[in-house]
């Protein structure tokens, strides 16, 4: 009977030692997984920031192109209005001169 109790006690001690070993391994695994998770999060954050930076650069490039196009359109419109103004001015001068010639004759 004593021998059976000693075997049971020895088995319990082995089980407890194995349980402690398993707990240590689980803690070790948990720390490793936590570290891997943090590394993955940092990597994803870095990639996300790179994508955001790239998208911002693309948007800035698009805005610059649009600003250049608008500036060119503004210049073309100003040139068009200036040409129209010059044409209308020339027509007005011609009409005034014709009116003066009709009224006072060509001297």
C-alpha atoms as a PDB file:
ATOM      1  CA  UNK A   1       0.000   0.000   0.000  1.00  0.00           C
ATOM      2  CA  UNK A   2       2.802   2.417   0.874  1.00  0.00           C
ATOM      3  CA  UNK A   3       4.441   1.618  -2.413  1.00  0.00           C
ATOM      4  CA  UNK A   4       1.223   2.462  -4.283  1.00  0.00           C
ATOM      5  CA  UNK A   5       0.964   5.800  -2.461  1.00  0.00           C
ATOM      6  CA  UNK A   6       4.576   6.588  -3.300  1.00  0.00           C
ATOM      7  CA  UNK A   7       3.917   5.775  -6.969  1.00  0.00           C
ATOM      8  CA  UNK A   8       0.824   7.995  -6.941  1.00  0.00           C
ATOM      9  CA  UNK A   9       2.782  10.800  -5.283  1.00  0.00           C
ATOM     10  CA  UNK A  10       5.611  10.418  -7.794  1.00  0.00           C
ATOM     11  CA  UNK A  11       3.097  10.439 -10.662  1.00  0.00           C
ATOM     12  CA  UNK A  12       1.458  13.594  -9.258  1.00  0.00           C
ATOM     13  CA  UNK A  13       4.848  15.275  -8.955  1.00  0.00           C
ATOM     14  CA  UNK A  14       5.660  14.314 -12.554  1.00  0.00           C
ATOM     15  CA  UNK A  15       2.260  15.590 -13.673  1.00  0.00           C
ATOM     16  CA  UNK A  16       2.787  18.850 -11.803  1.00  0.00           C
ATOM     17  CA  UNK A  17       6.271  19.230 -13.276  1.00  0.00           C
ATOM     18  CA  UNK A  18       4.865  18.565 -16.744  1.00  0.00           C
ATOM     19  CA  UNK A  19       2.034  21.020 -16.077  1.00  0.00           C
ATOM     20  CA  UNK A  20       4.544  23.677 -15.019  1.00  0.00           C
ATOM     21  CA  UNK A  21       6.595  22.972 -18.145  1.00  0.00           C
ATOM     22  CA  UNK A  22       3.480  23.259 -20.326  1.00  0.00           C
ATOM     23  CA  UNK A  23       2.575  26.553 -18.622  1.00  0.00           C
ATOM     24  CA  UNK A  24       6.093  27.894 -19.278  1.00  0.00           C
ATOM     25  CA  UNK A  25       5.893  26.835 -22.917  1.00  0.00           C
ATOM     26  CA  UNK A  26       2.449  28.429 -23.248  1.00  0.00           C
ATOM     27  CA  UNK A  27       3.730  31.682 -21.744  1.00  0.00           C
ATOM     28  CA  UNK A  28       6.722  31.564 -24.053  1.00  0.00           C
ATOM     29  CA  UNK A  29       4.439  30.907 -27.038  1.00  0.00           C
ATOM     30  CA  UNK A  30       2.082  33.684 -25.963  1.00  0.00           C
ATOM     31  CA  UNK A  31       4.974  36.169 -25.740  1.00  0.00           C
ATOM     32  CA  UNK A  32       6.212  35.065 -29.149  1.00  0.00           C
ATOM     33  CA  UNK A  33       2.734  35.438 -30.644  1.00  0.00           C
ATOM     34  CA  UNK A  34       2.338  38.861 -29.020  1.00  0.00           C
ATOM     35  CA  UNK A  35       5.665  39.956 -30.499  1.00  0.00           C
ATOM     36  CA  UNK A  36       4.693  38.614 -33.929  1.00  0.00           C
ATOM     37  CA  UNK A  37       1.369  40.436 -33.670  1.00  0.00           C
ATOM     38  CA  UNK A  38       3.101  43.703 -32.776  1.00  0.00           C
ATOM     39  CA  UNK A  39       5.539  43.267 -35.663  1.00  0.00           C
ATOM     40  CA  UNK A  40       2.647  42.544 -38.042  1.00  0.00           C
ATOM     41  CA  UNK A  41       0.758  45.598 -36.784  1.00  0.00           C
ATOM     42  CA  UNK A  42       3.839  47.777 -37.203  1.00  0.00           C
ATOM     43  CA  UNK A  43       4.374  46.419 -40.717  1.00  0.00           C
ATOM     44  CA  UNK A  44       0.742  47.027 -41.653  1.00  0.00           C
ATOM     45  CA  UNK A  45       0.891  50.537 -40.185  1.00  0.00           C
ATOM     46  CA  UNK A  46       4.049  51.248 -42.188  1.00  0.00           C
ATOM     47  CA  UNK A  47       2.451  49.965 -45.397  1.00  0.00           C
ATOM     48  CA  UNK A  48      -0.694  51.952 -44.680  1.00  0.00           C
ATOM     49  CA  UNK A  49       1.345  55.117 -44.117  1.00  0.00           C
ATOM     50  CA  UNK A  50       3.234  54.481 -47.362  1.00  0.00           C
ATOM     51  CA  UNK A  51      -0.057  54.095 -49.242  1.00  0.00           C
ATOM     52  CA  UNK A  52      -1.413  57.278 -47.684  1.00  0.00           C
ATOM     53  CA  UNK A  53       1.776  59.153 -48.578  1.00  0.00           C
ATOM     54  CA  UNK A  54       1.648  57.845 -52.147  1.00  0.00           C
ATOM     55  CA  UNK A  55      -2.038  58.759 -52.501  1.00  0.00           C
ATOM     56  CA  UNK A  56      -1.364  62.258 -51.138  1.00  0.00           C
ATOM     57  CA  UNK A  57       1.457  62.668 -53.644  1.00  0.00           C
ATOM     58  CA  UNK A  58      -0.837  61.536 -56.464  1.00  0.00           C
ATOM     59  CA  UNK A  59      -3.539  63.962 -55.354  1.00  0.00           C
ATOM     60  CA  UNK A  60      -1.012  66.801 -55.134  1.00  0.00           C
ATOM     61  CA  UNK A  61       0.250  65.968 -58.621  1.00  0.00           C
ATOM     62  CA  UNK A  62      -3.335  65.962 -59.906  1.00  0.00           C
ATOM     63  CA  UNK A  63      -3.994  69.318 -58.246  1.00  0.00           C
ATOM     64  CA  UNK A  64      -0.864  70.801 -59.792  1.00  0.00           C
ATOM     65  CA  UNK A  65      -1.888  69.534 -63.236  1.00  0.00           C
ATOM     66  CA  UNK A  66      -5.373  70.923 -62.779  1.00  0.00           C
ATOM     67  CA  UNK A  67      -3.979  74.273 -61.613  1.00  0.00           C
ATOM     68  CA  UNK A  68      -1.766  74.428 -64.720  1.00  0.00           C
ATOM     69  CA  UNK A  69      -4.731  73.605 -66.942  1.00  0.00           C
ATOM     70  CA  UNK A  70      -6.846  76.281 -65.272  1.00  0.00           C
ATOM     71  CA  UNK A  71      -4.032  78.801 -65.631  1.00  0.00           C
ATOM     72  CA  UNK A  72      -3.749  77.956 -69.337  1.00  0.00           C
ATOM     73  CA  UNK A  73      -7.525  78.265 -69.760  1.00  0.00           C
ATOM     74  CA  UNK A  74      -7.421  81.620 -67.970  1.00  0.00           C
ATOM     75  CA  UNK A  75      -4.667  82.839 -70.301  1.00  0.00           C
ATOM     76  CA  UNK A  76      -6.554  81.644 -73.383  1.00  0.00           C
ATOM     77  CA  UNK A  77      -9.726  83.326 -72.158  1.00  0.00           C
ATOM     78  CA  UNK A  78      -7.869  86.565 -71.442  1.00  0.00           C
ATOM     79  CA  UNK A  79      -6.294  86.433 -74.920  1.00  0.00           C
ATOM     80  CA  UNK A  80      -9.719  85.784 -76.453  1.00  0.00           C
ATOM     81  CA  UNK A  81     -11.289  88.724 -74.612  1.00  0.00           C
ATOM     82  CA  UNK A  82      -8.372  90.962 -75.529  1.00  0.00           C
ATOM     83  CA  UNK A  83      -8.726  89.993 -79.200  1.00  0.00           C
ATOM     84  CA  UNK A  84     -12.486  90.635 -79.044  1.00  0.00           C
ATOM     85  CA  UNK A  85     -11.855  93.973 -77.362  1.00  0.00           C
ATOM     86  CA  UNK A  86      -9.369  94.983 -80.047  1.00  0.00           C
ATOM     87  CA  UNK A  87     -11.796  93.922 -82.783  1.00  0.00           C
ATOM     88  CA  UNK A  88     -14.708  95.832 -81.247  1.00  0.00           C
ATOM     89  CA  UNK A  89     -12.442  98.842 -80.657  1.00  0.00           C
ATOM     90  CA  UNK A  90     -11.303  98.789 -84.300  1.00  0.00           C
ATOM     91  CA  UNK A  91     -14.922  98.470 -85.453  1.00  0.00           C
ATOM     92  CA  UNK A  92     -15.965 101.353 -83.195  1.00  0.00           C
ATOM     93  CA  UNK A  93     -13.126 103.559 -84.500  1.00  0.00           C
ATOM     94  CA  UNK A  94     -14.099 102.700 -88.077  1.00  0.00           C
ATOM     95  CA  UNK A  95     -17.760 103.558 -87.404  1.00  0.00           C
ATOM     96  CA  UNK A  96     -16.773 106.845 -85.726  1.00  0.00           C
ATOM     97  CA  UNK A  97     -14.499 107.749 -88.650  1.00  0.00           C
ATOM     98  CA  UNK A  98     -17.230 106.873 -91.150  1.00  0.00           C
ATOM     99  CA  UNK A  99     -19.668 109.052 -89.213  1.00  0.00           C
ATOM    100  CA  UNK A 100     -17.207 111.948 -89.130  1.00  0.00           C
ATOM    101  CA  UNK A 101     -16.529 111.598 -92.886  1.00  0.00           C
ATOM    102  CA  UNK A 102     -20.222 111.529 -93.659  1.00  0.00           C
ATOM    103  CA  UNK A 103     -20.867 114.541 -91.531  1.00  0.00           C
ATOM    104  CA  UNK A 104     -17.842 116.667 -92.430  1.00  0.00           C
ATOM    105  CA  UNK A 105     -16.753 115.064 -95.622  1.00  0.00           C
ATOM    106  CA  UNK A 106     -13.360 113.851 -96.569  1.00  0.00           C
ATOM    107  CA  UNK A 107     -10.943 116.802 -96.541  1.00  0.00           C
END
